[in-house]
Amino acid sequence: MLTPELRLIHLQLTKHCNLRCSFCGQWGEHGYMKESSADDLTTAQWLDVVAQAAAYRAETGIAPQFILWGGEPLASPAFPAVSAALREAGFTTALITNGVLIEKHLNSINRTIDTVYISLDGPPEVHERVRGAKGIWQRIERGLAGLDPAKVMRVCLFTLCGENWREAVTFPHRLGSLGFDRVIYQNLIYCTSAQADDYRRWMRESFAQSAPRLDSWISDAPEPWVAELPGVVSALEEKIRAGSYPLEVQLYPGELNAGNIAQWYDSSVPLKKTRLPCVMPFRHLQINHDGQTHFCVDFNDFTLGSVREHSVLELFTNDRARRFRTEGATCNSLCARCPWYYNDSLAVDQR
């Protein structure tokens, strides 16, 4: 078993978001944030988390990397102060954003952020349809134009879905002119009803808690567009080999290719050659907007406790953490189609 070392921390600065993306597990049709009444942490509380991470680094020599996200992190009043504190402390920091508010925060981003991940789902008309808002493309373009390429790496996150798969092969040609360094193609995260039931049973029996947020992620049958993915990925792979794109293009998880991508949506098919435990419980901490802490970014019903009441180190090493690592060591039932299960490094993209 791996030795627990805290190497990556997600700070969900706010639950609030200015968009309503069709496939979103937070604010989509079945999004769990719609039922959340908990308040965001204050700026002072977030800054205390940063101070605790600095103390952990001083004690252990391990410097966690940080990812700021939400909701929409740039909608949080805490963003400027938290990102500045992370920069002052010398932590590598990334930002995951829908890009609409970048222009408003250009000074902070250019001074404090190493990598910006911006979610784009196709050309303007497609993107705005997926994201549930009109007129945002130009705002995103202006924000991108203001990012300093010498200081900030710019990565596009393209989530394959029923609305945009037809755009996937040609879209990278547009991104070079927007100043992106890389585009990462992602597949939808999901679990089946049976996997959700199995996980909920584990939560009840071992941790005396429920798992209502799983409803946001359940999918029992692939939609018809999934049958088109092998052809899409084959065309992407051909253009990548030919060097046809103006920027780096990646398909994530790396185990996926034209021959098996449709199997991502058949959760009974194992994609990993060897079933190993997910590294997240051993290397990562997700701190939700309300202070609750988790190992997993998206399947985050399981809680270690709150930073309002305990230190980050206490939460990462408490009895619940140890039990989760031990009992989930062979991969709990939700891991099969979560991309983090296939990411062994957990590292922020760097130049």
Protein backbone atom coordinates (compact mmCIF):
# COMPACT_ATOMS: atom_id res chain seq x y z
CA MET A 1 0.00 0.00 0.00
CA LEU A 2 1.16 3.52 -0.78
CA THR A 3 2.33 5.79 2.01
CA PRO A 4 -0.05 8.77 2.32
CA GLU A 5 1.61 11.96 1.06
CA LEU A 6 -0.43 15.08 0.36
CA ARG A 7 0.71 16.16 -3.11
CA LEU A 8 -2.39 17.74 -4.66
CA ILE A 9 -5.14 19.88 -3.11
CA HIS A 10 -8.31 21.04 -4.84
CA LEU A 11 -9.90 24.15 -3.36
CA GLN A 12 -13.52 24.49 -4.44
CA LEU A 13 -13.65 28.20 -3.71
CA THR A 14 -17.39 28.49 -4.28
CA LYS A 15 -20.45 26.45 -5.16
CA HIS A 16 -21.81 29.30 -7.29
CA CYS A 17 -21.55 29.27 -11.08
CA ASN A 18 -22.60 31.73 -13.78
CA LEU A 19 -23.35 28.98 -16.35
CA ARG A 20 -25.65 25.95 -16.52
CA CYS A 21 -23.82 23.30 -18.53
CA SER A 22 -25.97 20.45 -19.82
CA PHE A 23 -23.79 17.59 -18.53
CA CYS A 24 -22.65 19.19 -15.27
CA GLY A 25 -22.90 17.05 -12.13
CA GLN A 26 -23.13 20.20 -10.01
CA TRP A 27 -25.62 22.44 -11.82
CA GLY A 28 -26.93 20.24 -14.66
CA GLU A 29 -30.37 18.69 -14.81
CA HIS A 30 -29.68 16.42 -11.84
CA GLY A 31 -26.92 18.52 -10.29
CA TYR A 32 -26.38 18.12 -6.57
CA MET A 33 -25.55 21.79 -5.94
CA LYS A 34 -29.18 22.71 -6.51
CA GLU A 35 -29.93 21.21 -3.10
CA SER A 36 -26.95 22.74 -1.31
CA SER A 37 -27.70 25.46 1.23
CA ALA A 38 -24.28 25.45 2.90
CA ASP A 39 -22.26 28.66 2.88
CA ASP A 40 -18.86 29.07 1.22
CA LEU A 41 -15.82 29.33 3.46
CA THR A 42 -14.66 32.87 4.17
CA THR A 43 -11.49 34.27 2.66
CA ALA A 44 -9.81 34.04 6.07
CA GLN A 45 -10.68 30.35 6.34
CA TRP A 46 -9.23 29.63 2.89
CA LEU A 47 -6.06 31.52 3.79
CA ASP A 48 -5.73 29.37 6.90
CA VAL A 49 -5.80 26.28 4.65
CA VAL A 50 -2.92 27.76 2.62
CA ALA A 51 -0.96 28.42 5.83
CA GLN A 52 -1.53 24.82 6.96
CA ALA A 53 -0.23 23.53 3.61
CA ALA A 54 2.89 25.65 4.03
CA ALA A 55 3.40 24.19 7.50
CA TYR A 56 2.97 20.67 6.08
CA ARG A 57 5.64 21.41 3.46
CA ALA A 58 8.03 22.75 6.11
CA GLU A 59 7.53 19.64 8.24
CA THR A 60 7.62 16.97 5.51
CA GLY A 61 9.44 18.51 2.57
CA ILE A 62 6.40 17.70 0.39
CA ALA A 63 4.99 20.68 -1.52
CA PRO A 64 1.39 20.09 -2.59
CA GLN A 65 0.23 21.55 -5.87
CA PHE A 66 -3.08 23.41 -5.84
CA ILE A 67 -6.04 23.53 -8.22
CA LEU A 68 -8.62 26.28 -7.73
CA TRP A 69 -12.07 25.48 -9.05
CA GLY A 70 -15.80 25.67 -8.23
CA GLY A 71 -18.60 26.20 -9.24
CA GLU A 72 -16.81 29.01 -11.01
CA PRO A 73 -13.78 30.00 -8.90
CA LEU A 74 -13.56 33.46 -10.44
CA ALA A 75 -17.03 34.16 -9.04
CA SER A 76 -15.61 33.76 -5.53
CA PRO A 77 -14.61 36.94 -3.66
CA ALA A 78 -11.81 34.87 -2.11
CA PHE A 79 -10.01 34.19 -5.41
CA PRO A 80 -7.62 37.19 -5.52
CA ALA A 81 -6.43 36.77 -1.94
CA VAL A 82 -6.14 32.97 -2.06
CA SER A 83 -4.26 32.90 -5.36
CA ALA A 84 -1.93 35.64 -4.12
CA ALA A 85 -1.24 33.73 -0.89
CA LEU A 86 -0.44 30.57 -2.85
CA ARG A 87 1.98 32.48 -5.07
CA GLU A 88 3.65 34.17 -2.11
CA ALA A 89 4.07 30.77 -0.45
CA GLY A 90 5.64 29.38 -3.63
CA PHE A 91 3.02 26.75 -4.47
CA THR A 92 2.36 25.65 -8.06
CA THR A 93 -1.24 26.65 -8.74
CA ALA A 94 -3.74 25.91 -11.51
CA LEU A 95 -7.16 27.39 -12.19
CA ILE A 96 -10.12 25.53 -13.74
CA THR A 97 -12.58 28.05 -15.15
CA ASN A 98 -15.30 28.47 -17.75
CA GLY A 99 -13.35 31.54 -18.90
CA VAL A 100 -16.17 34.05 -18.82
CA LEU A 101 -14.67 36.09 -15.95
CA ILE A 102 -10.97 35.87 -16.88
CA GLU A 103 -10.90 39.42 -18.28
CA LYS A 104 -12.08 40.76 -14.92
CA HIS A 105 -9.24 39.00 -13.08
CA LEU A 106 -6.38 39.27 -15.57
CA ASN A 107 -3.98 41.01 -13.18
CA SER A 108 -4.43 38.36 -10.49
CA ILE A 109 -4.21 35.44 -12.92
CA ASN A 110 -1.09 36.68 -14.69
CA ARG A 111 0.62 37.28 -11.33
CA THR A 112 -0.42 34.15 -9.43
CA ILE A 113 -1.50 31.26 -11.69
CA ASP A 114 0.80 28.80 -13.47
CA THR A 115 -1.79 26.99 -15.60
CA VAL A 116 -5.31 27.95 -16.64
CA TYR A 117 -7.66 25.15 -17.71
CA ILE A 118 -10.55 26.61 -19.72
CA SER A 119 -13.58 24.53 -20.64
CA LEU A 120 -14.60 24.93 -24.28
CA ASP A 121 -16.94 22.54 -26.06
CA GLY A 122 -16.75 23.55 -29.70
CA PRO A 123 -17.21 26.66 -31.85
CA PRO A 124 -19.25 29.54 -30.41
CA GLU A 125 -22.74 28.34 -31.27
CA VAL A 126 -22.07 24.81 -29.99
CA HIS A 127 -20.22 25.94 -26.88
CA GLU A 128 -22.89 28.40 -25.86
CA ARG A 129 -25.61 25.80 -26.36
CA VAL A 130 -23.77 23.27 -24.17
CA ARG A 131 -23.00 25.89 -21.52
CA GLY A 132 -26.52 27.29 -21.40
CA ALA A 133 -25.62 30.95 -22.04
CA LYS A 134 -25.43 33.22 -25.08
CA GLY A 135 -22.84 35.88 -25.77
CA ILE A 136 -20.06 34.37 -23.67
CA TRP A 137 -17.64 33.38 -26.45
CA GLN A 138 -16.37 36.91 -27.06
CA ARG A 139 -15.84 37.44 -23.34
CA ILE A 140 -13.75 34.26 -23.23
CA GLU A 141 -11.73 35.39 -26.26
CA ARG A 142 -10.94 38.74 -24.64
CA GLY A 143 -9.82 36.99 -21.47
CA LEU A 144 -7.56 34.62 -23.38
CA ALA A 145 -6.00 37.50 -25.28
CA GLY A 146 -5.02 39.13 -21.99
CA LEU A 147 -3.24 36.10 -20.51
CA ASP A 148 0.55 36.43 -20.51
CA PRO A 149 1.94 33.45 -22.50
CA ALA A 150 5.30 33.82 -20.76
CA LYS A 151 3.71 33.29 -17.36
CA VAL A 152 0.52 31.25 -17.82
CA MET A 153 0.13 27.93 -19.60
CA ARG A 154 -3.29 27.74 -21.31
CA VAL A 155 -5.03 24.38 -21.63
CA CYS A 156 -8.42 23.80 -23.25
CA LEU A 157 -10.64 21.11 -21.75
CA PHE A 158 -13.03 19.67 -24.36
CA THR A 159 -15.60 17.29 -22.88
CA LEU A 160 -16.96 14.91 -25.52
CA CYS A 161 -20.75 14.79 -25.42
CA GLY A 162 -23.76 14.37 -27.66
CA GLU A 163 -23.82 18.06 -28.61
CA ASN A 164 -20.20 18.40 -29.77
CA TRP A 165 -18.67 15.12 -30.97
CA ARG A 166 -19.04 16.24 -34.60
CA GLU A 167 -16.77 19.22 -33.88
CA ALA A 168 -13.97 17.29 -32.19
CA VAL A 169 -11.69 16.63 -35.18
CA THR A 170 -11.66 20.18 -36.55
CA PHE A 171 -11.77 22.12 -33.28
CA PRO A 172 -8.00 22.14 -32.50
CA HIS A 173 -7.39 24.26 -35.61
CA ARG A 174 -9.39 27.04 -33.98
CA LEU A 175 -7.58 26.84 -30.66
CA GLY A 176 -4.13 27.76 -31.93
CA SER A 177 -5.37 31.23 -32.89
CA LEU A 178 -6.79 31.64 -29.35
CA GLY A 179 -3.35 31.13 -27.83
CA PHE A 180 -3.86 27.69 -26.27
CA ASP A 181 -0.83 25.49 -25.64
CA ARG A 182 -2.76 22.22 -25.39
CA VAL A 183 -6.23 20.71 -25.71
CA ILE A 184 -7.32 17.72 -23.64
CA TYR A 185 -10.26 15.64 -24.82
CA GLN A 186 -12.19 14.23 -21.88
CA ASN A 187 -14.98 11.68 -21.66
CA LEU A 188 -17.99 11.96 -19.41
CA ILE A 189 -17.69 10.70 -15.84
CA TYR A 190 -20.42 8.35 -14.74
CA CYS A 191 -21.38 5.33 -12.67
CA THR A 192 -24.14 2.74 -13.08
CA SER A 193 -27.08 2.25 -10.73
CA ALA A 194 -25.56 -1.02 -9.52
CA GLN A 195 -22.23 0.63 -8.75
CA ALA A 196 -24.02 3.43 -6.93
CA ASP A 197 -25.99 0.93 -4.85
CA ASP A 198 -22.81 -0.96 -3.99
CA TYR A 199 -21.03 2.26 -2.98
CA ARG A 200 -23.98 3.41 -0.88
CA ARG A 201 -24.00 0.10 0.95
CA TRP A 202 -20.28 0.53 1.71
CA MET A 203 -20.89 4.08 2.96
CA ARG A 204 -23.70 2.93 5.29
CA GLU A 205 -21.90 -0.10 6.68
CA SER A 206 -18.41 1.36 7.12
CA PHE A 207 -18.98 5.08 7.61
CA ALA A 208 -22.61 5.47 8.73
CA GLN A 209 -23.35 8.02 6.05
CA SER A 210 -25.45 8.34 2.91
CA ALA A 211 -24.40 9.23 -0.64
CA PRO A 212 -27.16 11.31 -2.28
CA ARG A 213 -24.86 13.13 -4.72
CA LEU A 214 -24.34 9.98 -6.77
CA ASP A 215 -27.68 10.60 -8.47
CA SER A 216 -25.93 13.31 -10.49
CA TRP A 217 -23.58 10.80 -12.09
CA ILE A 218 -25.71 7.70 -12.77
CA SER A 219 -25.95 6.46 -16.37
CA ASP A 220 -26.98 2.90 -17.18
CA ALA A 221 -26.95 2.91 -20.97
CA PRO A 222 -24.81 4.78 -23.52
CA GLU A 223 -26.53 7.24 -25.84
CA PRO A 224 -26.46 6.62 -29.63
CA TRP A 225 -23.69 9.16 -30.28
CA VAL A 226 -21.19 6.96 -28.40
CA ALA A 227 -21.18 4.62 -31.42
CA GLU A 228 -19.56 7.45 -33.42
CA LEU A 229 -16.59 7.86 -31.08
CA PRO A 230 -14.27 5.23 -32.62
CA GLY A 231 -14.37 7.08 -35.95
CA VAL A 232 -13.87 10.43 -34.25
CA VAL A 233 -10.87 9.24 -32.27
CA SER A 234 -9.38 7.46 -35.27
CA ALA A 235 -9.46 10.75 -37.19
CA LEU A 236 -7.95 12.60 -34.22
CA GLU A 237 -5.14 10.04 -33.92
CA GLU A 238 -4.37 10.28 -37.64
CA LYS A 239 -4.07 14.07 -37.53
CA ILE A 240 -1.94 13.92 -34.37
CA ARG A 241 0.47 11.48 -36.06
CA ALA A 242 0.62 13.70 -39.13
CA GLY A 243 1.38 16.78 -37.05
CA SER A 244 -1.62 18.57 -38.53
CA TYR A 245 -2.66 20.48 -35.42
CA PRO A 246 -1.18 23.82 -34.28
CA LEU A 247 -1.00 22.70 -30.64
CA GLU A 248 -0.63 19.56 -28.55
CA VAL A 249 -3.72 17.32 -28.55
CA GLN A 250 -4.32 14.69 -25.87
CA LEU A 251 -7.05 12.15 -25.25
CA TYR A 252 -7.69 11.48 -21.59
CA PRO A 253 -7.46 8.98 -19.97
CA GLY A 254 -4.39 7.88 -21.91
CA GLU A 255 -5.62 4.29 -21.98
CA LEU A 256 -8.30 5.27 -24.50
CA ASN A 257 -7.86 4.98 -28.26
CA ALA A 258 -9.95 4.37 -31.35
CA GLY A 259 -10.09 0.66 -30.59
CA ASN A 260 -11.55 0.91 -27.08
CA ILE A 261 -13.08 4.34 -26.59
CA ALA A 262 -16.64 3.10 -26.98
CA GLN A 263 -15.91 0.69 -24.12
CA TRP A 264 -15.52 3.67 -21.77
CA TYR A 265 -19.31 3.74 -21.81
CA ASP A 266 -19.57 0.01 -21.05
CA SER A 267 -18.47 -0.06 -17.43
CA SER A 268 -18.34 -3.88 -17.36
CA VAL A 269 -15.20 -3.75 -19.54
CA PRO A 270 -11.95 -3.28 -17.58
CA LEU A 271 -9.66 -0.73 -19.23
CA LYS A 272 -6.76 -1.03 -16.83
CA LYS A 273 -4.51 -4.00 -17.37
CA THR A 274 -3.96 -4.36 -13.63
CA ARG A 275 -6.53 -3.39 -11.02
CA LEU A 276 -4.66 -1.07 -8.69
CA PRO A 277 -6.04 1.25 -6.03
CA CYS A 278 -6.75 4.81 -7.06
CA VAL A 279 -3.92 7.05 -5.86
CA MET A 280 -6.29 9.88 -4.88
CA PRO A 281 -6.85 8.76 -1.26
CA PHE A 282 -3.08 8.57 -0.81
CA ARG A 283 -2.04 11.79 -2.56
CA HIS A 284 -4.99 14.18 -2.75
CA LEU A 285 -7.45 16.24 -0.75
CA GLN A 286 -10.54 17.97 -2.09
CA ILE A 287 -11.82 20.80 0.12
CA ASN A 288 -15.40 21.67 -0.76
CA HIS A 289 -16.79 25.18 -0.75
CA ASP A 290 -18.36 24.56 2.68
CA GLY A 291 -15.18 23.15 4.25
CA GLN A 292 -16.04 19.46 3.98
CA THR A 293 -13.07 17.39 2.82
CA HIS A 294 -12.97 14.44 0.45
CA PHE A 295 -10.53 12.29 -1.47
CA CYS A 296 -12.47 12.42 -4.73
CA VAL A 297 -13.25 15.55 -6.73
CA ASP A 298 -16.51 14.41 -8.32
CA PHE A 299 -17.75 11.39 -6.35
CA ASN A 300 -17.48 13.38 -3.15
CA ASP A 301 -20.20 12.13 -0.83
CA PHE A 302 -17.66 10.45 1.44
CA THR A 303 -16.37 13.04 3.90
CA LEU A 304 -13.37 13.10 6.18
CA GLY A 305 -14.74 16.03 8.19
CA SER A 306 -14.57 19.81 7.93
CA VAL A 307 -11.69 22.28 7.94
CA ARG A 308 -13.96 24.46 10.07
CA GLU A 309 -13.33 22.01 12.92
CA HIS A 310 -10.08 20.13 12.15
CA SER A 311 -6.72 20.82 10.57
CA VAL A 312 -5.94 19.67 7.05
CA LEU A 313 -3.35 17.20 8.34
CA GLU A 314 -5.76 15.75 10.91
CA LEU A 315 -8.36 15.17 8.21
CA PHE A 316 -5.88 13.57 5.82
CA THR A 317 -4.68 11.11 8.47
CA ASN A 318 -7.75 10.45 10.62
CA ASP A 319 -9.43 7.08 11.23
CA ARG A 320 -11.95 7.58 8.43
CA ALA A 321 -9.11 8.28 6.00
CA ARG A 322 -7.23 5.15 7.04
CA ARG A 323 -10.34 2.99 6.80
CA PHE A 324 -11.22 4.33 3.35
CA ARG A 325 -7.72 3.59 2.08
CA THR A 326 -7.76 0.07 3.50
CA GLU A 327 -11.25 -0.96 2.39
CA GLY A 328 -11.04 0.72 -1.00
CA ALA A 329 -7.55 -0.56 -1.75
CA THR A 330 -8.74 -2.78 -4.60
CA CYS A 331 -10.69 0.12 -6.17
CA ASN A 332 -14.18 0.84 -4.92
CA SER A 333 -17.08 0.35 -7.31
CA LEU A 334 -17.16 3.94 -8.58
CA CYS A 335 -13.59 4.15 -9.87
CA ALA A 336 -13.99 2.35 -13.19
CA ARG A 337 -15.10 5.41 -15.19
CA CYS A 338 -13.57 8.25 -13.23
CA PRO A 339 -10.57 9.75 -15.10
CA TRP A 340 -8.67 10.37 -11.86
CA TYR A 341 -8.37 6.60 -11.45
CA TYR A 342 -6.16 6.57 -14.55
CA ASN A 343 -4.00 9.52 -13.46
CA ASP A 344 -1.08 8.25 -11.41
CA SER A 345 0.91 11.49 -11.29
CA LEU A 346 -1.89 13.92 -10.27
CA ALA A 347 0.45 16.68 -11.46
CA VAL A 348 -0.63 20.07 -12.76
CA ASP A 349 0.33 20.55 -16.41
CA GLN A 350 3.53 22.54 -16.76
CA ARG A 351 5.60 23.87 -19.64
